[in-house]
Protein backbone atom coordinates (compact mmCIF):
# COMPACT_ATOMS: atom_id res chain seq x y z
CA MET A 1 0.01 0.04 0.23
CA ILE A 2 0.92 3.48 -0.25
CA GLY A 3 2.79 5.30 2.75
CA TYR A 4 4.20 8.03 1.90
CA LEU A 5 3.95 10.38 -0.73
CA ASN A 6 6.58 13.49 -1.57
CA GLY A 7 5.85 15.82 -4.19
CA GLN A 8 4.61 18.53 -5.66
CA ALA A 9 0.70 19.71 -4.81
CA LEU A 10 -1.10 20.75 -8.25
CA VAL A 11 -4.31 21.33 -7.01
CA ARG A 12 -6.40 22.46 -4.18
CA ASP A 13 -9.49 21.20 -4.32
CA ASP A 14 -10.39 21.13 -0.52
CA PRO A 15 -10.68 18.82 1.46
CA TYR A 16 -8.43 17.08 -1.74
CA LEU A 17 -5.15 17.32 -3.02
CA ILE A 18 -3.92 16.41 -6.14
CA VAL A 19 -0.02 15.83 -5.29
CA ASP A 20 2.20 14.94 -8.47
CA VAL A 21 4.78 12.27 -7.43
CA ASN A 22 6.94 11.90 -10.48
CA GLY A 23 4.04 12.60 -13.17
CA ILE A 24 1.84 10.23 -11.70
CA GLY A 25 -0.98 12.17 -9.85
CA TYR A 26 -2.56 11.08 -6.84
CA ARG A 27 -5.46 12.84 -5.27
CA VAL A 28 -5.67 12.81 -1.88
CA HIS A 29 -8.23 13.30 1.56
CA ALA A 30 -5.99 15.92 3.07
CA ALA A 31 -6.47 16.49 6.91
CA SER A 32 -6.68 20.53 7.26
CA ASP A 33 -3.16 20.96 8.97
CA VAL A 34 -2.04 20.05 5.17
CA LEU A 35 -4.35 22.10 3.27
CA SER A 36 -3.20 25.40 5.02
CA SER A 37 0.25 24.27 4.80
CA VAL A 38 -0.03 24.70 1.38
CA ALA A 39 1.04 28.22 0.35
CA GLU A 40 1.10 27.86 -4.15
CA ILE A 41 0.16 25.33 -6.19
CA GLY A 42 3.99 23.54 -7.47
CA SER A 43 4.80 24.08 -3.61
CA SER A 44 6.74 20.96 -2.07
CA ILE A 45 4.96 18.40 -0.09
CA LYS A 46 5.70 15.60 1.84
CA LEU A 47 2.44 13.36 3.45
CA PHE A 48 2.60 9.86 5.33
CA THR A 49 -0.83 8.08 3.85
CA TYR A 50 -3.35 5.91 5.04
CA THR A 51 -4.62 3.43 1.78
CA HIS A 52 -8.74 2.49 1.50
CA VAL A 53 -9.44 -0.03 -0.22
CA ARG A 54 -13.29 -1.28 -0.79
CA GLU A 55 -14.70 -2.90 -3.66
CA ASP A 56 -15.36 -0.21 -5.51
CA THR A 57 -12.95 2.58 -4.09
CA LEU A 58 -9.50 3.51 -3.80
CA GLU A 59 -8.62 6.14 -1.54
CA LEU A 60 -5.67 8.08 0.38
CA TYR A 61 -6.01 10.15 3.18
CA GLY A 62 -2.61 12.25 3.89
CA PHE A 63 -1.24 13.77 6.82
CA SER A 64 1.96 15.94 7.34
CA LYS A 65 3.33 13.91 10.60
CA TYR A 66 3.53 9.96 11.72
CA ALA A 67 1.67 10.24 14.29
CA ASP A 68 -1.17 12.05 13.22
CA LEU A 69 -1.05 9.10 10.75
CA LYS A 70 -1.84 6.59 14.07
CA LEU A 71 -4.27 8.82 15.51
CA PHE A 72 -6.06 7.87 12.47
CA GLU A 73 -5.54 4.34 12.20
CA GLN A 74 -6.61 4.23 15.56
CA LEU A 75 -9.69 6.85 14.93
CA ILE A 76 -10.57 3.88 12.31
CA ASN A 77 -10.22 1.25 13.85
CA VAL A 78 -12.89 2.15 16.16
CA SER A 79 -16.65 0.67 15.31
CA GLY A 80 -18.48 3.00 13.50
CA VAL A 81 -15.95 5.19 12.47
CA GLY A 82 -14.51 5.08 9.01
CA PRO A 83 -12.09 7.00 7.23
CA ARG A 84 -14.19 10.06 6.11
CA THR A 85 -15.87 10.48 9.57
CA ALA A 86 -12.52 10.50 10.66
CA ILE A 87 -11.13 12.90 8.72
CA GLY A 88 -13.83 15.05 9.55
CA ILE A 89 -12.59 15.31 13.32
CA PHE A 90 -9.11 16.27 11.93
CA ALA A 91 -11.15 18.87 10.31
CA ILE A 92 -12.55 20.52 14.07
CA GLY A 93 -9.48 20.32 15.79
CA THR A 94 -5.26 19.18 16.12
CA SER A 95 -4.07 15.50 17.25
CA SER A 96 -3.20 17.12 20.51
CA GLU A 97 -6.11 19.01 20.52
CA ILE A 98 -8.31 15.31 19.95
CA ILE A 99 -6.14 13.66 21.88
CA LYS A 100 -7.44 16.26 24.58
CA ALA A 101 -10.63 15.77 24.46
CA ILE A 102 -10.75 11.58 24.61
CA ALA A 103 -7.95 12.16 27.73
CA ASP A 104 -10.75 14.64 29.02
CA SER A 105 -13.93 12.47 28.17
CA ASP A 106 -15.19 15.28 25.92
CA THR A 107 -18.15 14.16 23.86
CA SER A 108 -19.17 17.77 23.03
CA PHE A 109 -15.77 18.07 21.15
CA PHE A 110 -17.25 16.15 18.24
CA ALA A 111 -20.56 17.04 18.25
CA SER A 112 -19.54 19.44 15.07
CA VAL A 113 -17.89 16.46 13.32
CA PRO A 114 -20.42 14.71 10.35
CA ARG A 115 -22.12 11.49 10.53
CA LEU A 116 -20.95 10.80 14.13
CA GLY A 117 -23.09 11.22 17.01
CA THR A 118 -23.11 11.33 20.42
CA LYS A 119 -22.93 7.08 20.73
CA ASN A 120 -19.94 7.52 18.34
CA ALA A 121 -17.61 10.26 20.27
CA GLN A 122 -17.69 7.56 23.53
CA LYS A 123 -17.07 4.89 21.57
CA ILE A 124 -14.16 6.88 20.46
CA ILE A 125 -13.16 7.70 23.96
CA ILE A 126 -13.90 4.43 25.23
CA GLU A 127 -11.63 2.72 23.05
CA LEU A 128 -8.86 5.19 22.93
CA LYS A 129 -8.92 6.68 26.68
CA ASN A 130 -6.14 4.48 27.71
CA LYS A 131 -4.10 4.22 24.00
CA VAL A 132 -4.41 7.88 24.56
CA GLY A 133 -2.92 8.27 28.15
CA GLY A 134 -6.42 9.55 29.71
CA GLY A 135 -6.82 8.93 33.06
CA GLU A 136 -10.42 8.06 34.49
CA LEU A 137 -13.42 7.16 32.39
CA ASP A 138 -15.89 9.56 33.13
CA LEU A 139 -18.86 10.42 30.58
CA SER A 140 -21.09 12.69 32.95
CA ASP A 141 -20.49 15.42 30.82
CA GLY A 142 -19.43 17.93 33.34
CA SER A 143 -17.02 19.81 31.36
CA SER A 144 -18.69 19.01 28.37
CA GLN A 145 -21.86 20.22 29.38
CA ASN A 146 -20.51 23.83 29.82
CA ARG A 147 -18.77 23.89 26.80
CA ASN A 148 -22.53 23.14 25.21
CA GLU A 149 -23.83 26.38 26.82
CA LEU A 150 -21.03 27.77 25.68
CA THR A 151 -21.18 26.37 21.96
CA SER A 152 -24.53 27.16 21.99
CA ALA A 153 -24.35 30.47 23.41
CA LEU A 154 -22.36 31.23 20.56
CA LYS A 155 -24.24 29.70 17.94
CA THR A 156 -27.23 32.17 19.02
CA PHE A 157 -25.11 35.08 18.34
CA GLY A 158 -25.07 33.31 14.45
CA PHE A 159 -20.69 32.36 14.44
CA THR A 160 -19.78 29.14 12.53
CA THR A 161 -19.25 26.10 14.39
CA THR A 162 -15.59 26.51 13.25
CA GLU A 163 -15.53 30.49 14.97
CA ILE A 164 -16.51 28.92 18.54
CA ASN A 165 -14.73 25.60 18.19
CA GLU A 166 -11.32 27.49 17.14
CA ALA A 167 -13.24 30.14 20.29
CA VAL A 168 -13.66 27.46 22.82
CA ARG A 169 -10.12 26.25 22.07
CA ASN A 170 -8.51 29.92 22.96
CA ILE A 171 -10.27 30.77 25.79
CA ASP A 172 -9.24 30.05 29.16
CA LYS A 173 -12.03 28.10 31.08
CA ASN A 174 -10.40 26.90 34.03
CA GLY A 175 -11.75 28.32 36.70
CA LYS A 176 -14.45 30.89 34.95
CA SER A 177 -18.34 30.49 34.94
CA ILE A 178 -19.92 30.61 31.59
CA GLU A 179 -20.73 33.95 31.99
CA GLU A 180 -17.19 34.58 31.64
CA GLN A 181 -16.41 32.73 28.80
CA ILE A 182 -19.22 33.60 26.84
CA LYS A 183 -17.47 37.11 27.03
CA MET A 184 -14.22 36.13 27.02
CA ALA A 185 -15.23 33.69 23.57
CA LEU A 186 -17.32 36.98 21.88
CA LYS A 187 -13.94 39.02 22.41
CA TYR A 188 -11.96 36.62 20.83
CA LEU A 189 -14.47 36.32 17.85
CA GLY A 190 -14.46 40.19 18.32
CA LYS A 191 -10.75 40.18 16.64
């Protein structure tokens, strides 16, 4: 199977890249950090890839770091999570944010991923918590309850899910009331 590509980015058509490797163009589903790193067409790119084969499909999924590829493989080994859903998880957060969400049992982090749902988010947390170094398993939604309130409040202001997730990741939530978190998020989004 194809495990690594080193070539030039010919076409960027989110969420895909076409990478030219010695005259052969590979169409790759790329993680969001890979897409944002392609500054211009023709730039050099190196990708660790996962080759997904089904009876009617052959698809490549590309990552800038080998650790991201390994996390992707762990995600697709969870029952009910396919490659497109797993790459969708990488669209809402970096690998460190995904690992933190798993370690913190934060099911609401995964809420905006298409085709995932709460049950599969819980499965991801249950099956991967020990593998990513999480502590005690707690799916009671204590901290994620605050996150749900925060995201709901920000949605009423008309912000997109991507903007909301970015704001929630970049504010200090420790020891802050939900009202303070909303103010900080609005301030962050108002930049």
